[in-house]
Amino acid sequence: MRNQRVKALSISRPVFDRVSRAGLTGRVFASYRRACNLVTSAGEIIALVGPAIGNGPLNIVIEGSGVFEHVETGWPAVFSDGQLALGDSLVVLWGSARLWSPEVNWGCLTTRPMRLKDNLAALCSWLSQSYTTDGLPGLVLGEEARGCEDKTRSPQKRAFLTIAWAGIEGLMRALQDGDRSSIHESAALLAGLGPGLTPAGDDYLVGLMAGLRIWPGPCGVPPEEACQIILEATEGKTTLLSQAFLHGAKEGLFGENWHDLLSELARGEALGVQRAAGRILSSGATSGADALAGFLSPYVWQRRLA
């Protein structure tokens, strides 16, 4: 289909600032049924997504679905005058799209610490009872024997869990001790760990950067500094898409589902927390679960120290 035209419903403010630059060009580096990822000439990632995925730090949300079926990797992407052209197949009109802000107001989320603590405890319990805690959630929540010696698992799975646990345990101890060098070393061990466009180790680190900001109890360095060290440790060790999410997390930028979860944790009740967490769990094959494992790590670690 040639010259199909669709409207953008919303666009994240950081992406709007990028696409408003004169002469911005790029290319398609991955296309799926519900999303299409672009990389600009400056190496920045922009994601075209349908309403089912929704708002995120990298996202332009477009109307309808199925419009990416004929978009191919390598096609040129040209931004001009409020529109984006992908080859000669698709034009996205973003000039009148609603601006969406991915910035989180962390201060507002910590005004009711007892409610936050109770909801974090309830979230951990719900995940343990209602969600398969295989992989990184199981390591963090302690629901499996680290998986490293389980002979029913494949050698690849056991190796993954062994490396992941070494990175997670080393990172949490280093954060507790304020050991900046070891924070860097352990985060580097997790960077790029696992398959996919956003490997499990990176998803864990993205979630951790949110968790440190709302529950920094065991962290011996300021959360913002810890996030900077973690980001620096991942540079050049993972995929373009993961690196973009890690950069956003370091800046405190998170998707709409994370905004909902954080709001429910701070002010809501257990049922609302579960629903919000469920939407994150539905992200990717394990990406949402791995990110939640990172997010809960500071709270779980401090609870074990008590």
C-alpha atoms as a PDB file:
ATOM      1  CA  MET A   1       0.000   0.000   0.000  1.00  0.00           C
ATOM      2  CA  ARG A   2       1.446   3.374  -1.034  1.00  0.00           C
ATOM      3  CA  ASN A   3       1.077   6.765   0.638  1.00  0.00           C
ATOM      4  CA  GLN A   4      -1.115   5.581   3.496  1.00  0.00           C
ATOM      5  CA  ARG A   5      -1.689   8.503   5.878  1.00  0.00           C
ATOM      6  CA  VAL A   6      -2.390   8.152   9.605  1.00  0.00           C
ATOM      7  CA  LYS A   7      -2.641  10.645  12.451  1.00  0.00           C
ATOM      8  CA  ALA A   8      -0.531  10.593  15.581  1.00  0.00           C
ATOM      9  CA  LEU A   9      -2.634  10.685  18.733  1.00  0.00           C
ATOM     10  CA  SER A  10       0.158  11.649  21.131  1.00  0.00           C
ATOM     11  CA  ILE A  11       3.883  12.201  21.194  1.00  0.00           C
ATOM     12  CA  SER A  12       6.301  12.275  24.113  1.00  0.00           C
ATOM     13  CA  ARG A  13       7.798  15.682  24.766  1.00  0.00           C
ATOM     14  CA  PRO A  14      11.443  14.543  24.302  1.00  0.00           C
ATOM     15  CA  VAL A  15      10.531  12.970  20.947  1.00  0.00           C
ATOM     16  CA  PHE A  16       8.651  16.120  19.930  1.00  0.00           C
ATOM     17  CA  ASP A  17      11.786  18.152  20.614  1.00  0.00           C
ATOM     18  CA  ARG A  18      13.786  15.810  18.375  1.00  0.00           C
ATOM     19  CA  VAL A  19      11.391  15.638  15.440  1.00  0.00           C
ATOM     20  CA  SER A  20      10.944  19.411  15.467  1.00  0.00           C
ATOM     21  CA  ARG A  21      14.565  19.870  14.422  1.00  0.00           C
ATOM     22  CA  ALA A  22      14.956  20.949  10.825  1.00  0.00           C
ATOM     23  CA  GLY A  23      16.187  18.325   8.404  1.00  0.00           C
ATOM     24  CA  LEU A  24      15.894  15.331  10.747  1.00  0.00           C
ATOM     25  CA  THR A  25      16.233  12.007   8.931  1.00  0.00           C
ATOM     26  CA  GLY A  26      16.652   8.379   9.904  1.00  0.00           C
ATOM     27  CA  ARG A  27      15.766   4.845   8.934  1.00  0.00           C
ATOM     28  CA  VAL A  28      13.612   1.935  10.049  1.00  0.00           C
ATOM     29  CA  PHE A  29      15.696  -0.540  12.030  1.00  0.00           C
ATOM     30  CA  ALA A  30      12.877  -2.843  13.188  1.00  0.00           C
ATOM     31  CA  SER A  31       9.195  -3.230  12.329  1.00  0.00           C
ATOM     32  CA  TYR A  32       6.550  -5.362  14.053  1.00  0.00           C
ATOM     33  CA  ARG A  33       2.785  -5.744  14.031  1.00  0.00           C
ATOM     34  CA  ARG A  34       2.179  -3.126  16.727  1.00  0.00           C
ATOM     35  CA  ALA A  35       5.339  -1.021  16.578  1.00  0.00           C
ATOM     36  CA  CYS A  36       8.017   0.336  14.305  1.00  0.00           C
ATOM     37  CA  ASN A  37      11.395   1.505  15.645  1.00  0.00           C
ATOM     38  CA  LEU A  38      13.422   4.207  13.922  1.00  0.00           C
ATOM     39  CA  VAL A  39      16.993   5.344  14.453  1.00  0.00           C
ATOM     40  CA  THR A  40      17.809   8.928  13.491  1.00  0.00           C
ATOM     41  CA  SER A  41      20.994  10.145  11.851  1.00  0.00           C
ATOM     42  CA  ALA A  42      22.060  11.282  15.343  1.00  0.00           C
ATOM     43  CA  GLY A  43      21.658   7.737  16.723  1.00  0.00           C
ATOM     44  CA  GLU A  44      18.444   8.495  18.657  1.00  0.00           C
ATOM     45  CA  ILE A  45      15.602   5.982  18.881  1.00  0.00           C
ATOM     46  CA  ILE A  46      11.994   6.893  18.062  1.00  0.00           C
ATOM     47  CA  ALA A  47       9.192   4.320  18.346  1.00  0.00           C
ATOM     48  CA  LEU A  48       5.955   4.455  16.376  1.00  0.00           C
ATOM     49  CA  VAL A  49       3.388   2.440  18.319  1.00  0.00           C
ATOM     50  CA  GLY A  50      -0.312   1.688  18.331  1.00  0.00           C
ATOM     51  CA  PRO A  51      -2.741   2.618  21.130  1.00  0.00           C
ATOM     52  CA  ALA A  52      -2.379  -0.835  22.737  1.00  0.00           C
ATOM     53  CA  ILE A  53       1.235  -0.013  23.649  1.00  0.00           C
ATOM     54  CA  GLY A  54       0.516   3.606  24.539  1.00  0.00           C
ATOM     55  CA  ASN A  55       2.677   6.453  25.726  1.00  0.00           C
ATOM     56  CA  GLY A  56       6.363   6.064  26.511  1.00  0.00           C
ATOM     57  CA  PRO A  57       9.553   8.145  26.541  1.00  0.00           C
ATOM     58  CA  LEU A  58      10.435   7.131  22.969  1.00  0.00           C
ATOM     59  CA  ASN A  59       6.922   6.915  21.544  1.00  0.00           C
ATOM     60  CA  ILE A  60       4.712   8.485  18.932  1.00  0.00           C
ATOM     61  CA  VAL A  61       1.297   6.846  19.375  1.00  0.00           C
ATOM     62  CA  ILE A  62      -0.650   6.572  16.124  1.00  0.00           C
ATOM     63  CA  GLU A  63      -4.292   5.786  15.448  1.00  0.00           C
ATOM     64  CA  GLY A  64      -5.404   2.399  14.196  1.00  0.00           C
ATOM     65  CA  SER A  65      -3.502  -0.849  13.958  1.00  0.00           C
ATOM     66  CA  GLY A  66      -1.877  -2.972  11.302  1.00  0.00           C
ATOM     67  CA  VAL A  67      -0.287  -0.004   9.549  1.00  0.00           C
ATOM     68  CA  PHE A  68       3.226  -1.375   9.973  1.00  0.00           C
ATOM     69  CA  GLU A  69       2.613  -4.588   8.019  1.00  0.00           C
ATOM     70  CA  HIS A  70       4.207  -3.245   4.849  1.00  0.00           C
ATOM     71  CA  VAL A  71       6.993  -1.219   6.474  1.00  0.00           C
ATOM     72  CA  GLU A  72      10.405  -2.765   5.930  1.00  0.00           C
ATOM     73  CA  THR A  73      13.719  -2.541   7.767  1.00  0.00           C
ATOM     74  CA  GLY A  74      16.073  -0.054   6.146  1.00  0.00           C
ATOM     75  CA  TRP A  75      13.418   2.259   4.726  1.00  0.00           C
ATOM     76  CA  PRO A  76      14.297   5.966   4.979  1.00  0.00           C
ATOM     77  CA  ALA A  77      12.455   8.109   7.538  1.00  0.00           C
ATOM     78  CA  VAL A  78      12.112  11.824   6.795  1.00  0.00           C
ATOM     79  CA  PHE A  79      10.603  14.360   9.221  1.00  0.00           C
ATOM     80  CA  SER A  80       9.294  17.640   7.846  1.00  0.00           C
ATOM     81  CA  ASP A  81       6.439  20.119   8.435  1.00  0.00           C
ATOM     82  CA  GLY A  82       4.600  18.102  11.066  1.00  0.00           C
ATOM     83  CA  GLN A  83       4.791  14.788   9.294  1.00  0.00           C
ATOM     84  CA  LEU A  84       6.963  11.719   8.988  1.00  0.00           C
ATOM     85  CA  ALA A  85       7.364   9.819   5.726  1.00  0.00           C
ATOM     86  CA  LEU A  86       8.508   6.189   5.774  1.00  0.00           C
ATOM     87  CA  GLY A  87       9.612   5.383   2.256  1.00  0.00           C
ATOM     88  CA  ASP A  88       6.675   5.920  -0.105  1.00  0.00           C
ATOM     89  CA  SER A  89       4.351   3.709   1.927  1.00  0.00           C
ATOM     90  CA  LEU A  90       3.366   5.501   5.138  1.00  0.00           C
ATOM     91  CA  VAL A  91       2.972   9.125   6.231  1.00  0.00           C
ATOM     92  CA  VAL A  92       2.414   9.906   9.915  1.00  0.00           C
ATOM     93  CA  LEU A  93       0.876  13.314  10.650  1.00  0.00           C
ATOM     94  CA  TRP A  94       2.180  14.316  14.073  1.00  0.00           C
ATOM     95  CA  GLY A  95       1.787  18.114  13.998  1.00  0.00           C
ATOM     96  CA  SER A  96      -1.460  18.168  16.019  1.00  0.00           C
ATOM     97  CA  ALA A  97      -0.662  15.246  18.337  1.00  0.00           C
ATOM     98  CA  ARG A  98      -1.138  15.698  22.081  1.00  0.00           C
ATOM     99  CA  LEU A  99       2.115  16.203  23.980  1.00  0.00           C
ATOM    100  CA  TRP A 100       2.739  13.636  26.730  1.00  0.00           C
ATOM    101  CA  SER A 101       5.341  14.051  29.462  1.00  0.00           C
ATOM    102  CA  PRO A 102       7.322  10.956  30.579  1.00  0.00           C
ATOM    103  CA  GLU A 103       8.931  12.781  33.539  1.00  0.00           C
ATOM    104  CA  VAL A 104       8.025  11.372  36.952  1.00  0.00           C
ATOM    105  CA  ASN A 105       7.604  13.664  39.973  1.00  0.00           C
ATOM    106  CA  TRP A 106       9.498  11.455  42.417  1.00  0.00           C
ATOM    107  CA  GLY A 107       8.980  13.778  45.387  1.00  0.00           C
ATOM    108  CA  CYS A 108       5.200  13.395  45.234  1.00  0.00           C
ATOM    109  CA  LEU A 109       5.547   9.618  45.283  1.00  0.00           C
ATOM    110  CA  THR A 110       7.311   9.481  48.639  1.00  0.00           C
ATOM    111  CA  THR A 111       4.970  11.679  50.716  1.00  0.00           C
ATOM    112  CA  ARG A 112       3.162   8.688  52.253  1.00  0.00           C
ATOM    113  CA  PRO A 113       5.954   6.245  53.155  1.00  0.00           C
ATOM    114  CA  MET A 114       3.798   3.826  55.155  1.00  0.00           C
ATOM    115  CA  ARG A 115       1.268   3.460  52.320  1.00  0.00           C
ATOM    116  CA  LEU A 116       4.153   2.964  49.898  1.00  0.00           C
ATOM    117  CA  LYS A 117       5.746   0.333  52.144  1.00  0.00           C
ATOM    118  CA  ASP A 118       2.484  -1.574  52.591  1.00  0.00           C
ATOM    119  CA  ASN A 119       1.778  -1.557  48.862  1.00  0.00           C
ATOM    120  CA  LEU A 120       5.298  -2.719  47.984  1.00  0.00           C
ATOM    121  CA  ALA A 121       4.888  -5.606  50.425  1.00  0.00           C
ATOM    122  CA  ALA A 122       1.505  -6.466  48.907  1.00  0.00           C
ATOM    123  CA  LEU A 123       2.963  -6.323  45.402  1.00  0.00           C
ATOM    124  CA  CYS A 124       5.751  -8.743  46.321  1.00  0.00           C
ATOM    125  CA  SER A 125       3.228 -11.130  47.862  1.00  0.00           C
ATOM    126  CA  TRP A 126       0.926 -10.949  44.837  1.00  0.00           C
ATOM    127  CA  LEU A 127       3.753 -11.614  42.411  1.00  0.00           C
ATOM    128  CA  SER A 128       4.886 -14.616  44.427  1.00  0.00           C
ATOM    129  CA  GLN A 129       1.375 -16.101  44.562  1.00  0.00           C
ATOM    130  CA  SER A 130      -0.093 -15.135  41.207  1.00  0.00           C
ATOM    131  CA  TYR A 131       2.784 -14.873  38.772  1.00  0.00           C
ATOM    132  CA  THR A 132       5.319 -17.484  37.707  1.00  0.00           C
ATOM    133  CA  THR A 133       8.472 -16.265  39.431  1.00  0.00           C
ATOM    134  CA  ASP A 134      10.843 -18.098  37.132  1.00  0.00           C
ATOM    135  CA  GLY A 135      13.853 -16.086  35.982  1.00  0.00           C
ATOM    136  CA  LEU A 136      14.768 -12.726  37.472  1.00  0.00           C
ATOM    137  CA  PRO A 137      11.577 -12.219  39.538  1.00  0.00           C
ATOM    138  CA  GLY A 138      12.263 -15.567  41.207  1.00  0.00           C
ATOM    139  CA  LEU A 139      15.846 -14.590  41.974  1.00  0.00           C
ATOM    140  CA  VAL A 140      14.800 -11.303  43.549  1.00  0.00           C
ATOM    141  CA  LEU A 141      11.784 -12.604  45.463  1.00  0.00           C
ATOM    142  CA  GLY A 142      13.654 -15.717  46.613  1.00  0.00           C
ATOM    143  CA  GLU A 143      11.014 -18.127  45.294  1.00  0.00           C
ATOM    144  CA  GLU A 144      13.511 -20.434  43.608  1.00  0.00           C
ATOM    145  CA  ALA A 145      16.849 -21.879  44.665  1.00  0.00           C
ATOM    146  CA  ARG A 146      18.620 -19.477  42.302  1.00  0.00           C
ATOM    147  CA  GLY A 147      18.067 -22.023  39.528  1.00  0.00           C
ATOM    148  CA  CYS A 148      21.794 -22.554  39.093  1.00  0.00           C
ATOM    149  CA  GLU A 149      21.873 -26.206  40.222  1.00  0.00           C
ATOM    150  CA  ASP A 150      18.429 -27.216  38.952  1.00  0.00           C
ATOM    151  CA  LYS A 151      19.212 -30.082  36.559  1.00  0.00           C
ATOM    152  CA  THR A 152      15.764 -29.839  34.969  1.00  0.00           C
ATOM    153  CA  ARG A 153      16.811 -26.531  33.394  1.00  0.00           C
ATOM    154  CA  SER A 154      18.892 -26.288  30.250  1.00  0.00           C
ATOM    155  CA  PRO A 155      22.606 -25.496  30.681  1.00  0.00           C
ATOM    156  CA  GLN A 156      21.965 -22.138  29.005  1.00  0.00           C
ATOM    157  CA  LYS A 157      19.226 -21.254  31.517  1.00  0.00           C
ATOM    158  CA  ARG A 158      21.383 -22.267  34.470  1.00  0.00           C
ATOM    159  CA  ALA A 159      24.285 -20.195  33.120  1.00  0.00           C
ATOM    160  CA  PHE A 160      22.007 -17.197  32.626  1.00  0.00           C
ATOM    161  CA  LEU A 161      20.636 -17.426  36.170  1.00  0.00           C
ATOM    162  CA  THR A 162      24.130 -17.888  37.633  1.00  0.00           C
ATOM    163  CA  ILE A 163      25.445 -14.745  35.945  1.00  0.00           C
ATOM    164  CA  ALA A 164      22.252 -12.808  36.678  1.00  0.00           C
ATOM    165  CA  TRP A 165      22.355 -13.636  40.388  1.00  0.00           C
ATOM    166  CA  ALA A 166      26.036 -12.726  40.619  1.00  0.00           C
ATOM    167  CA  GLY A 167      25.249  -9.371  39.042  1.00  0.00           C
ATOM    168  CA  ILE A 168      22.128  -8.703  41.121  1.00  0.00           C
ATOM    169  CA  GLU A 169      23.633  -9.724  44.470  1.00  0.00           C
ATOM    170  CA  GLY A 170      26.882  -7.890  43.732  1.00  0.00           C
ATOM    171  CA  LEU A 171      25.024  -4.775  42.662  1.00  0.00           C
ATOM    172  CA  MET A 172      22.768  -4.665  45.719  1.00  0.00           C
ATOM    173  CA  ARG A 173      25.722  -5.183  48.078  1.00  0.00           C
ATOM    174  CA  ALA A 174      27.697  -2.485  46.285  1.00  0.00           C
ATOM    175  CA  LEU A 175      24.758  -0.069  46.512  1.00  0.00           C
ATOM    176  CA  GLN A 176      24.379  -0.849  50.213  1.00  0.00           C
ATOM    177  CA  ASP A 177      28.089  -0.212  50.831  1.00  0.00           C
ATOM    178  CA  GLY A 178      28.282   2.840  48.581  1.00  0.00           C
ATOM    179  CA  ASP A 179      31.067   1.120  46.627  1.00  0.00           C
ATOM    180  CA  ARG A 180      30.990   3.029  43.339  1.00  0.00           C
ATOM    181  CA  SER A 181      33.547   0.844  41.602  1.00  0.00           C
ATOM    182  CA  SER A 182      31.641  -2.342  42.433  1.00  0.00           C
ATOM    183  CA  ILE A 183      28.333  -0.745  41.397  1.00  0.00           C
ATOM    184  CA  HIS A 184      29.879  -0.169  37.976  1.00  0.00           C
ATOM    185  CA  GLU A 185      31.351  -3.680  37.815  1.00  0.00           C
ATOM    186  CA  SER A 186      28.126  -5.470  38.763  1.00  0.00           C
ATOM    187  CA  ALA A 187      25.924  -3.350  36.492  1.00  0.00           C
ATOM    188  CA  ALA A 188      28.305  -4.110  33.613  1.00  0.00           C
ATOM    189  CA  LEU A 189      27.799  -7.833  34.317  1.00  0.00           C
ATOM    190  CA  LEU A 190      24.040  -7.405  33.806  1.00  0.00           C
ATOM    191  CA  ALA A 191      24.290  -5.132  30.745  1.00  0.00           C
ATOM    192  CA  GLY A 192      23.178  -6.951  27.611  1.00  0.00           C
ATOM    193  CA  LEU A 193      22.549 -10.175  29.543  1.00  0.00           C
ATOM    194  CA  GLY A 194      19.994 -12.319  27.757  1.00  0.00           C
ATOM    195  CA  PRO A 195      18.569 -12.379  24.228  1.00  0.00           C
ATOM    196  CA  GLY A 196      16.287  -9.922  22.458  1.00  0.00           C
ATOM    197  CA  LEU A 197      16.046  -6.242  21.580  1.00  0.00           C
ATOM    198  CA  THR A 198      15.877  -5.435  25.305  1.00  0.00           C
ATOM    199  CA  PRO A 199      17.826  -8.170  27.145  1.00  0.00           C
ATOM    200  CA  ALA A 200      16.665  -9.208  30.613  1.00  0.00           C
ATOM    201  CA  GLY A 201      19.638  -7.665  32.399  1.00  0.00           C
ATOM    202  CA  ASP A 202      18.907  -4.264  30.854  1.00  0.00           C
ATOM    203  CA  ASP A 203      15.203  -4.473  31.729  1.00  0.00           C
ATOM    204  CA  TYR A 204      16.229  -5.236  35.316  1.00  0.00           C
ATOM    205  CA  LEU A 205      18.472  -2.153  35.422  1.00  0.00           C
ATOM    206  CA  VAL A 206      15.722   0.081  33.987  1.00  0.00           C
ATOM    207  CA  GLY A 207      13.359  -1.034  36.748  1.00  0.00           C
ATOM    208  CA  LEU A 208      16.083  -0.666  39.371  1.00  0.00           C
ATOM    209  CA  MET A 209      16.578   2.991  38.437  1.00  0.00           C
ATOM    210  CA  ALA A 210      12.926   3.599  39.280  1.00  0.00           C
ATOM    211  CA  GLY A 211      13.067   1.518  42.466  1.00  0.00           C
ATOM    212  CA  LEU A 212      16.072   3.402  43.835  1.00  0.00           C
ATOM    213  CA  ARG A 213      14.211   6.691  43.503  1.00  0.00           C
ATOM    214  CA  ILE A 214      11.168   5.653  45.521  1.00  0.00           C
ATOM    215  CA  TRP A 215      12.869   3.290  48.011  1.00  0.00           C
ATOM    216  CA  PRO A 216      16.564   4.267  48.339  1.00  0.00           C
ATOM    217  CA  GLY A 217      16.900   2.820  51.858  1.00  0.00           C
ATOM    218  CA  PRO A 218      19.820   0.429  51.259  1.00  0.00           C
ATOM    219  CA  CYS A 219      21.648   2.758  48.859  1.00  0.00           C
ATOM    220  CA  GLY A 220      24.885   4.255  50.208  1.00  0.00           C
ATOM    221  CA  VAL A 221      25.148   6.773  47.366  1.00  0.00           C
ATOM    222  CA  PRO A 222      22.514   9.275  46.188  1.00  0.00           C
ATOM    223  CA  PRO A 223      20.039   7.547  43.826  1.00  0.00           C
ATOM    224  CA  GLU A 224      20.762   9.947  40.968  1.00  0.00           C
ATOM    225  CA  GLU A 225      24.480   9.243  41.235  1.00  0.00           C
ATOM    226  CA  ALA A 226      23.842   5.500  41.390  1.00  0.00           C
ATOM    227  CA  CYS A 227      21.744   5.733  38.218  1.00  0.00           C
ATOM    228  CA  GLN A 228      24.530   7.624  36.454  1.00  0.00           C
ATOM    229  CA  ILE A 229      27.086   4.945  37.395  1.00  0.00           C
ATOM    230  CA  ILE A 230      24.738   2.183  36.215  1.00  0.00           C
ATOM    231  CA  LEU A 231      24.177   3.930  32.892  1.00  0.00           C
ATOM    232  CA  GLU A 232      27.899   4.446  32.328  1.00  0.00           C
ATOM    233  CA  ALA A 233      28.491   0.747  33.034  1.00  0.00           C
ATOM    234  CA  THR A 234      26.112  -0.263  30.219  1.00  0.00           C
ATOM    235  CA  GLU A 235      27.529   1.970  27.485  1.00  0.00           C
ATOM    236  CA  GLY A 236      28.482  -0.055  24.417  1.00  0.00           C
ATOM    237  CA  LYS A 237      27.409  -3.364  25.985  1.00  0.00           C
ATOM    238  CA  THR A 238      23.827  -3.716  24.776  1.00  0.00           C
ATOM    239  CA  THR A 239      21.359  -2.998  21.969  1.00  0.00           C
ATOM    240  CA  LEU A 240      20.375   0.424  20.611  1.00  0.00           C
ATOM    241  CA  LEU A 241      16.842   0.078  21.962  1.00  0.00           C
ATOM    242  CA  SER A 242      17.955  -1.008  25.423  1.00  0.00           C
ATOM    243  CA  GLN A 243      20.482   1.801  25.576  1.00  0.00           C
ATOM    244  CA  ALA A 244      17.729   4.307  24.770  1.00  0.00           C
ATOM    245  CA  PHE A 245      15.521   2.955  27.581  1.00  0.00           C
ATOM    246  CA  LEU A 246      18.472   3.026  29.995  1.00  0.00           C
ATOM    247  CA  HIS A 247      19.253   6.638  29.090  1.00  0.00           C
ATOM    248  CA  GLY A 248      15.609   7.545  29.647  1.00  0.00           C
ATOM    249  CA  ALA A 249      15.489   5.747  33.006  1.00  0.00           C
ATOM    250  CA  LYS A 250      18.615   7.576  34.151  1.00  0.00           C
ATOM    251  CA  GLU A 251      16.794  10.844  33.365  1.00  0.00           C
ATOM    252  CA  GLY A 252      13.706   9.661  35.258  1.00  0.00           C
ATOM    253  CA  LEU A 253      11.616   9.070  32.109  1.00  0.00           C
ATOM    254  CA  PHE A 254       9.195   6.141  32.160  1.00  0.00           C
ATOM    255  CA  GLY A 255       6.193   4.899  30.209  1.00  0.00           C
ATOM    256  CA  GLU A 256       2.543   5.446  31.024  1.00  0.00           C
ATOM    257  CA  ASN A 257       2.132   2.019  32.647  1.00  0.00           C
ATOM    258  CA  TRP A 258       4.946   2.860  35.062  1.00  0.00           C
ATOM    259  CA  HIS A 259       3.340   6.212  35.886  1.00  0.00           C
ATOM    260  CA  ASP A 260       0.141   4.337  36.746  1.00  0.00           C
ATOM    261  CA  LEU A 261       1.964   1.819  38.959  1.00  0.00           C
ATOM    262  CA  LEU A 262       3.916   4.487  40.818  1.00  0.00           C
ATOM    263  CA  SER A 263       0.746   6.483  41.444  1.00  0.00           C
ATOM    264  CA  GLU A 264      -1.104   3.428  42.756  1.00  0.00           C
ATOM    265  CA  LEU A 265       1.808   2.477  45.025  1.00  0.00           C
ATOM    266  CA  ALA A 266       1.906   5.929  46.566  1.00  0.00           C
ATOM    267  CA  ARG A 267      -1.787   6.626  46.947  1.00  0.00           C
ATOM    268  CA  GLY A 268      -3.854   3.620  45.913  1.00  0.00           C
ATOM    269  CA  GLU A 269      -5.007   0.301  47.280  1.00  0.00           C
ATOM    270  CA  ALA A 270      -3.682  -3.216  46.692  1.00  0.00           C
ATOM    271  CA  LEU A 271      -6.141  -4.051  43.887  1.00  0.00           C
ATOM    272  CA  GLY A 272      -5.156  -0.961  41.913  1.00  0.00           C
ATOM    273  CA  VAL A 273      -1.477  -1.819  42.400  1.00  0.00           C
ATOM    274  CA  GLN A 274      -2.085  -5.329  41.068  1.00  0.00           C
ATOM    275  CA  ARG A 275      -3.901  -4.064  37.990  1.00  0.00           C
ATOM    276  CA  ALA A 276      -1.150  -1.553  37.219  1.00  0.00           C
ATOM    277  CA  ALA A 277       1.560  -4.175  37.754  1.00  0.00           C
ATOM    278  CA  GLY A 278      -0.336  -6.562  35.490  1.00  0.00           C
ATOM    279  CA  ARG A 279      -0.150  -4.071  32.635  1.00  0.00           C
ATOM    280  CA  ILE A 280       3.628  -3.888  33.051  1.00  0.00           C
ATOM    281  CA  LEU A 281       3.885  -7.687  33.179  1.00  0.00           C
ATOM    282  CA  SER A 282       2.193  -7.848  29.769  1.00  0.00           C
ATOM    283  CA  SER A 283       5.086  -5.914  28.175  1.00  0.00           C
ATOM    284  CA  GLY A 284       7.116  -8.212  25.946  1.00  0.00           C
ATOM    285  CA  ALA A 285       7.839 -11.850  26.683  1.00  0.00           C
ATOM    286  CA  THR A 286       9.609 -11.171  30.010  1.00  0.00           C
ATOM    287  CA  SER A 287      10.612  -7.491  29.774  1.00  0.00           C
ATOM    288  CA  GLY A 288       7.930  -6.240  32.143  1.00  0.00           C
ATOM    289  CA  ALA A 289       8.597  -8.983  34.685  1.00  0.00           C
ATOM    290  CA  ASP A 290      12.352  -8.404  34.578  1.00  0.00           C
ATOM    291  CA  ALA A 291      11.885  -4.656  35.025  1.00  0.00           C
ATOM    292  CA  LEU A 292       9.575  -5.247  38.001  1.00  0.00           C
ATOM    293  CA  ALA A 293      12.254  -7.490  39.506  1.00  0.00           C
ATOM    294  CA  GLY A 294      14.700  -4.598  39.329  1.00  0.00           C
ATOM    295  CA  PHE A 295      12.136  -2.150  40.655  1.00  0.00           C
ATOM    296  CA  LEU A 296      11.418  -4.267  43.748  1.00  0.00           C
ATOM    297  CA  SER A 297      15.061  -5.111  44.473  1.00  0.00           C
ATOM    298  CA  PRO A 298      15.846  -2.146  46.794  1.00  0.00           C
ATOM    299  CA  TYR A 299      12.759  -2.830  48.918  1.00  0.00           C
ATOM    300  CA  VAL A 300      13.329  -6.609  49.030  1.00  0.00           C
ATOM    301  CA  TRP A 301      17.023  -6.185  49.829  1.00  0.00           C
ATOM    302  CA  GLN A 302      16.333  -3.826  52.717  1.00  0.00           C
ATOM    303  CA  ARG A 303      13.641  -6.159  54.046  1.00  0.00           C
ATOM    304  CA  ARG A 304      16.178  -9.007  54.125  1.00  0.00           C
ATOM    305  CA  LEU A 305      18.653  -6.820  56.012  1.00  0.00           C
ATOM    306  CA  ALA A 306      16.106  -5.943  58.693  1.00  0.00           C
END
